Amino acid sequence: MKFSRILGFGAVVLVAACAGCSDEQDAALAGPIGQKLSTAPAFSTGKISGQVSVRFAGDEQVVELLDEHGSVYRIAGRLTSALASVGDGDVVAWGTFDADPGFVVHRFQVTGMQGRPALDGVLEMTTAGFGVRLTDGLLREVPGLTVRCAKYLGSRVWVAGWEDFEVAFGLIGGV
């Protein structure tokens, strides 16, 4: 009986405390009437496909992605220099639209270089020569890579032209 009396008293105090709140106090906390409060932009994830562009604005390197519709997205975040290393390449980038301004890339895949399809992965030695370990875990043999590529074993690279043995190769830096 004592417990129910204490519980009942607590409920009365809680109701009285809430009743003491007024609309005027709530409005004061929310800001002046008719004025919009500033809010942070919504966290939005996305995927953009396009060509990487690198330019300089004074001393600042600007990395952008031009999509197929002509929209330009300024790249931000820790992968900016990695994307700069594949300038003029075609990529698919996943990230968030929470930079001011820009698109923060969380991961990307090179899909084309020099107007040809490209592989993006880690260079490995195989029994036949060299291969690229793709992000899905598949090891793709790449005929035409020469021994000059050996110094890049274990590095992330792009390879184009493997289908016609006119292989082009490059390091994806900053990763």
C-alpha atoms as a PDB file:
ATOM      1  CA  MET A   1       0.000   0.000   0.000  1.00  0.00           C
ATOM      2  CA  LYS A   2       2.863   2.362   0.755  1.00  0.00           C
ATOM      3  CA  PHE A   3       4.384   1.620  -2.709  1.00  0.00           C
ATOM      4  CA  SER A   4       1.183   2.516  -4.552  1.00  0.00           C
ATOM      5  CA  ARG A   5       0.875   5.741  -2.518  1.00  0.00           C
ATOM      6  CA  ILE A   6       4.478   6.717  -3.462  1.00  0.00           C
ATOM      7  CA  LEU A   7       3.919   5.770  -7.114  1.00  0.00           C
ATOM      8  CA  GLY A   8       0.693   7.783  -7.167  1.00  0.00           C
ATOM      9  CA  PHE A   9       2.486  10.805  -5.696  1.00  0.00           C
ATOM     10  CA  GLY A  10       5.273  10.533  -8.333  1.00  0.00           C
ATOM     11  CA  ALA A  11       2.733  10.471 -11.153  1.00  0.00           C
ATOM     12  CA  VAL A  12       1.025  13.586  -9.764  1.00  0.00           C
ATOM     13  CA  VAL A  13       4.397  15.411  -9.607  1.00  0.00           C
ATOM     14  CA  LEU A  14       5.201  14.405 -13.198  1.00  0.00           C
ATOM     15  CA  VAL A  15       1.824  15.599 -14.491  1.00  0.00           C
ATOM     16  CA  ALA A  16       2.191  18.876 -12.582  1.00  0.00           C
ATOM     17  CA  ALA A  17       5.667  19.426 -14.014  1.00  0.00           C
ATOM     18  CA  CYS A  18       4.439  18.876 -17.559  1.00  0.00           C
ATOM     19  CA  ALA A  19       1.423  21.097 -17.031  1.00  0.00           C
ATOM     20  CA  GLY A  20       3.806  23.896 -16.058  1.00  0.00           C
ATOM     21  CA  CYS A  21       5.228  23.950 -19.589  1.00  0.00           C
ATOM     22  CA  SER A  22       3.629  26.557 -21.771  1.00  0.00           C
ATOM     23  CA  ASP A  23       3.442  27.086 -25.493  1.00  0.00           C
ATOM     24  CA  GLU A  24       5.346  30.357 -25.004  1.00  0.00           C
ATOM     25  CA  GLN A  25       8.289  28.513 -23.446  1.00  0.00           C
ATOM     26  CA  ASP A  26       8.263  25.959 -26.280  1.00  0.00           C
ATOM     27  CA  ALA A  27       8.240  28.771 -28.855  1.00  0.00           C
ATOM     28  CA  ALA A  28      11.159  30.464 -27.146  1.00  0.00           C
ATOM     29  CA  LEU A  29      13.147  27.243 -27.374  1.00  0.00           C
ATOM     30  CA  ALA A  30      12.282  26.858 -31.050  1.00  0.00           C
ATOM     31  CA  GLY A  31      13.188  30.428 -32.054  1.00  0.00           C
ATOM     32  CA  PRO A  32      11.151  33.415 -33.209  1.00  0.00           C
ATOM     33  CA  ILE A  33       7.813  32.684 -34.854  1.00  0.00           C
ATOM     34  CA  GLY A  34       7.992  32.730 -38.631  1.00  0.00           C
ATOM     35  CA  GLN A  35      11.775  32.231 -38.714  1.00  0.00           C
ATOM     36  CA  LYS A  36      13.074  28.949 -40.071  1.00  0.00           C
ATOM     37  CA  LEU A  37      15.730  27.239 -38.031  1.00  0.00           C
ATOM     38  CA  SER A  38      18.858  26.250 -39.897  1.00  0.00           C
ATOM     39  CA  THR A  39      19.251  22.531 -40.192  1.00  0.00           C
ATOM     40  CA  ALA A  40      22.179  20.455 -41.305  1.00  0.00           C
ATOM     41  CA  PRO A  41      21.765  18.950 -44.768  1.00  0.00           C
ATOM     42  CA  ALA A  42      20.339  15.459 -44.715  1.00  0.00           C
ATOM     43  CA  PHE A  43      22.893  12.667 -44.844  1.00  0.00           C
ATOM     44  CA  SER A  44      22.380  11.151 -48.275  1.00  0.00           C
ATOM     45  CA  THR A  45      24.222   8.252 -49.860  1.00  0.00           C
ATOM     46  CA  GLY A  46      24.646   7.857 -53.553  1.00  0.00           C
ATOM     47  CA  LYS A  47      26.397   6.316 -56.506  1.00  0.00           C
ATOM     48  CA  ILE A  48      27.836   8.373 -59.338  1.00  0.00           C
ATOM     49  CA  SER A  49      29.317   7.110 -62.602  1.00  0.00           C
ATOM     50  CA  GLY A  50      31.441   9.362 -64.727  1.00  0.00           C
ATOM     51  CA  GLN A  51      34.824  10.629 -65.828  1.00  0.00           C
ATOM     52  CA  VAL A  52      37.391  11.970 -63.372  1.00  0.00           C
ATOM     53  CA  SER A  53      38.653  15.483 -64.021  1.00  0.00           C
ATOM     54  CA  VAL A  54      41.646  17.015 -62.256  1.00  0.00           C
ATOM     55  CA  ARG A  55      42.438  20.727 -62.392  1.00  0.00           C
ATOM     56  CA  PHE A  56      44.131  23.354 -60.275  1.00  0.00           C
ATOM     57  CA  ALA A  57      42.511  26.461 -58.813  1.00  0.00           C
ATOM     58  CA  GLY A  58      45.541  28.436 -57.664  1.00  0.00           C
ATOM     59  CA  ASP A  59      47.506  26.062 -55.444  1.00  0.00           C
ATOM     60  CA  GLU A  60      44.521  23.824 -54.752  1.00  0.00           C
ATOM     61  CA  GLN A  61      44.011  20.577 -56.655  1.00  0.00           C
ATOM     62  CA  VAL A  62      40.337  20.144 -57.548  1.00  0.00           C
ATOM     63  CA  VAL A  63      39.055  16.674 -58.388  1.00  0.00           C
ATOM     64  CA  GLU A  64      35.641  16.415 -60.000  1.00  0.00           C
ATOM     65  CA  LEU A  65      33.438  13.749 -61.519  1.00  0.00           C
ATOM     66  CA  LEU A  66      31.496  14.553 -64.690  1.00  0.00           C
ATOM     67  CA  ASP A  67      28.513  12.242 -65.128  1.00  0.00           C
ATOM     68  CA  GLU A  68      26.840  11.252 -68.406  1.00  0.00           C
ATOM     69  CA  HIS A  69      24.201  13.985 -67.974  1.00  0.00           C
ATOM     70  CA  GLY A  70      26.788  16.762 -67.739  1.00  0.00           C
ATOM     71  CA  SER A  71      26.495  17.230 -63.977  1.00  0.00           C
ATOM     72  CA  VAL A  72      29.780  17.958 -62.207  1.00  0.00           C
ATOM     73  CA  TYR A  73      30.428  16.746 -58.656  1.00  0.00           C
ATOM     74  CA  ARG A  74      33.367  18.045 -56.643  1.00  0.00           C
ATOM     75  CA  ILE A  75      35.109  15.153 -54.876  1.00  0.00           C
ATOM     76  CA  ALA A  76      35.990  15.398 -51.193  1.00  0.00           C
ATOM     77  CA  GLY A  77      37.350  13.070 -48.540  1.00  0.00           C
ATOM     78  CA  ARG A  78      40.290  10.750 -48.037  1.00  0.00           C
ATOM     79  CA  LEU A  79      40.030   9.113 -51.495  1.00  0.00           C
ATOM     80  CA  THR A  80      40.394  12.386 -53.409  1.00  0.00           C
ATOM     81  CA  SER A  81      44.085  11.802 -54.219  1.00  0.00           C
ATOM     82  CA  ALA A  82      43.378   8.220 -55.292  1.00  0.00           C
ATOM     83  CA  LEU A  83      40.770   9.485 -57.744  1.00  0.00           C
ATOM     84  CA  ALA A  84      43.189  12.166 -58.947  1.00  0.00           C
ATOM     85  CA  SER A  85      45.617   9.381 -59.882  1.00  0.00           C
ATOM     86  CA  VAL A  86      43.073   8.072 -62.409  1.00  0.00           C
ATOM     87  CA  GLY A  87      42.377  11.442 -64.036  1.00  0.00           C
ATOM     88  CA  ASP A  88      40.413  11.151 -67.292  1.00  0.00           C
ATOM     89  CA  GLY A  89      39.421   7.611 -66.296  1.00  0.00           C
ATOM     90  CA  ASP A  90      35.868   6.352 -65.979  1.00  0.00           C
ATOM     91  CA  VAL A  91      34.774   5.347 -62.481  1.00  0.00           C
ATOM     92  CA  VAL A  92      31.801   4.383 -60.388  1.00  0.00           C
ATOM     93  CA  ALA A  93      31.959   6.104 -56.999  1.00  0.00           C
ATOM     94  CA  TRP A  94      29.895   5.388 -53.898  1.00  0.00           C
ATOM     95  CA  GLY A  95      29.681   7.940 -51.121  1.00  0.00           C
ATOM     96  CA  THR A  96      27.690  10.647 -49.422  1.00  0.00           C
ATOM     97  CA  PHE A  97      26.488  14.097 -50.378  1.00  0.00           C
ATOM     98  CA  ASP A  98      27.543  15.609 -47.057  1.00  0.00           C
ATOM     99  CA  ALA A  99      30.529  17.747 -48.062  1.00  0.00           C
ATOM    100  CA  ASP A 100      30.189  21.469 -48.518  1.00  0.00           C
ATOM    101  CA  PRO A 101      30.434  21.458 -51.492  1.00  0.00           C
ATOM    102  CA  GLY A 102      30.824  18.035 -52.907  1.00  0.00           C
ATOM    103  CA  PHE A 103      30.555  14.307 -52.784  1.00  0.00           C
ATOM    104  CA  VAL A 104      32.575  12.385 -50.189  1.00  0.00           C
ATOM    105  CA  VAL A 105      33.749   9.182 -51.861  1.00  0.00           C
ATOM    106  CA  HIS A 106      33.859   6.129 -49.606  1.00  0.00           C
ATOM    107  CA  ARG A 107      34.881   3.692 -52.345  1.00  0.00           C
ATOM    108  CA  PHE A 108      35.262   3.671 -56.094  1.00  0.00           C
ATOM    109  CA  GLN A 109      35.998   1.346 -58.980  1.00  0.00           C
ATOM    110  CA  VAL A 110      37.813   2.241 -62.184  1.00  0.00           C
ATOM    111  CA  THR A 111      35.721   0.963 -65.112  1.00  0.00           C
ATOM    112  CA  GLY A 112      37.533   2.491 -68.073  1.00  0.00           C
ATOM    113  CA  MET A 113      40.808   4.140 -69.102  1.00  0.00           C
ATOM    114  CA  GLN A 114      41.912   5.635 -72.379  1.00  0.00           C
ATOM    115  CA  GLY A 115      38.521   4.904 -73.924  1.00  0.00           C
ATOM    116  CA  ARG A 116      38.681   1.181 -73.143  1.00  0.00           C
ATOM    117  CA  PRO A 117      37.206  -1.011 -70.401  1.00  0.00           C
ATOM    118  CA  ALA A 118      39.491  -1.375 -67.392  1.00  0.00           C
ATOM    119  CA  LEU A 119      40.055  -3.788 -64.550  1.00  0.00           C
ATOM    120  CA  ASP A 120      40.586  -2.389 -61.048  1.00  0.00           C
ATOM    121  CA  GLY A 121      42.239  -4.520 -58.404  1.00  0.00           C
ATOM    122  CA  VAL A 122      45.398  -5.673 -56.679  1.00  0.00           C
ATOM    123  CA  LEU A 123      48.248  -6.918 -58.872  1.00  0.00           C
ATOM    124  CA  GLU A 124      49.315 -10.513 -58.124  1.00  0.00           C
ATOM    125  CA  MET A 125      51.758 -13.001 -59.579  1.00  0.00           C
ATOM    126  CA  THR A 126      50.181 -16.064 -61.208  1.00  0.00           C
ATOM    127  CA  THR A 127      51.601 -19.232 -62.744  1.00  0.00           C
ATOM    128  CA  ALA A 128      51.086 -17.693 -66.192  1.00  0.00           C
ATOM    129  CA  GLY A 129      52.438 -14.233 -65.337  1.00  0.00           C
ATOM    130  CA  PHE A 130      50.293 -11.558 -63.699  1.00  0.00           C
ATOM    131  CA  GLY A 131      46.697 -11.161 -62.654  1.00  0.00           C
ATOM    132  CA  VAL A 132      44.460  -8.637 -60.972  1.00  0.00           C
ATOM    133  CA  ARG A 133      42.513  -9.603 -57.850  1.00  0.00           C
ATOM    134  CA  LEU A 134      39.175  -7.832 -58.273  1.00  0.00           C
ATOM    135  CA  THR A 135      37.097  -6.496 -55.386  1.00  0.00           C
ATOM    136  CA  ASP A 136      34.743  -9.474 -55.634  1.00  0.00           C
ATOM    137  CA  GLY A 137      37.720 -11.787 -54.942  1.00  0.00           C
ATOM    138  CA  LEU A 138      38.033 -13.123 -58.495  1.00  0.00           C
ATOM    139  CA  LEU A 139      41.598 -13.359 -59.852  1.00  0.00           C
ATOM    140  CA  ARG A 140      41.636 -12.248 -63.478  1.00  0.00           C
ATOM    141  CA  GLU A 141      44.646 -13.324 -65.557  1.00  0.00           C
ATOM    142  CA  VAL A 142      46.050 -10.416 -67.561  1.00  0.00           C
ATOM    143  CA  PRO A 143      48.092 -11.504 -70.578  1.00  0.00           C
ATOM    144  CA  GLY A 144      50.445  -8.869 -71.862  1.00  0.00           C
ATOM    145  CA  LEU A 145      51.700  -7.492 -68.551  1.00  0.00           C
ATOM    146  CA  THR A 146      55.485  -7.532 -68.555  1.00  0.00           C
ATOM    147  CA  VAL A 147      58.047  -8.059 -65.836  1.00  0.00           C
ATOM    148  CA  ARG A 148      58.272  -4.262 -65.420  1.00  0.00           C
ATOM    149  CA  CYS A 149      55.005  -4.551 -63.498  1.00  0.00           C
ATOM    150  CA  ALA A 150      56.605  -6.759 -60.819  1.00  0.00           C
ATOM    151  CA  LYS A 151      57.538  -3.771 -58.662  1.00  0.00           C
ATOM    152  CA  TYR A 152      53.806  -3.054 -58.264  1.00  0.00           C
ATOM    153  CA  LEU A 153      52.877  -6.493 -56.861  1.00  0.00           C
ATOM    154  CA  GLY A 154      50.405  -6.020 -54.026  1.00  0.00           C
ATOM    155  CA  SER A 155      49.407  -2.533 -55.222  1.00  0.00           C
ATOM    156  CA  ARG A 156      46.019  -1.390 -56.447  1.00  0.00           C
ATOM    157  CA  VAL A 157      46.192  -0.908 -60.228  1.00  0.00           C
ATOM    158  CA  TRP A 158      44.056  -0.398 -63.302  1.00  0.00           C
ATOM    159  CA  VAL A 159      44.638  -2.413 -66.475  1.00  0.00           C
ATOM    160  CA  ALA A 160      43.082  -1.728 -69.880  1.00  0.00           C
ATOM    161  CA  GLY A 161      43.527  -3.423 -73.258  1.00  0.00           C
ATOM    162  CA  TRP A 162      43.998  -6.965 -71.983  1.00  0.00           C
ATOM    163  CA  GLU A 163      41.554  -8.257 -74.588  1.00  0.00           C
ATOM    164  CA  ASP A 164      43.643  -7.041 -77.540  1.00  0.00           C
ATOM    165  CA  PHE A 165      47.122  -7.408 -75.966  1.00  0.00           C
ATOM    166  CA  GLU A 166      47.767  -3.650 -76.183  1.00  0.00           C
ATOM    167  CA  VAL A 167      47.884  -3.444 -72.414  1.00  0.00           C
ATOM    168  CA  ALA A 168      47.884  -0.131 -70.595  1.00  0.00           C
ATOM    169  CA  PHE A 169      48.608  -0.166 -66.894  1.00  0.00           C
ATOM    170  CA  GLY A 170      48.615   2.335 -64.056  1.00  0.00           C
ATOM    171  CA  LEU A 171      48.918   2.635 -60.315  1.00  0.00           C
ATOM    172  CA  ILE A 172      45.911   3.827 -58.336  1.00  0.00           C
ATOM    173  CA  GLY A 173      47.682   6.036 -55.842  1.00  0.00           C
ATOM    174  CA  GLY A 174      46.689   7.280 -52.423  1.00  0.00           C
ATOM    175  CA  VAL A 175      44.790   4.127 -51.480  1.00  0.00           C
END
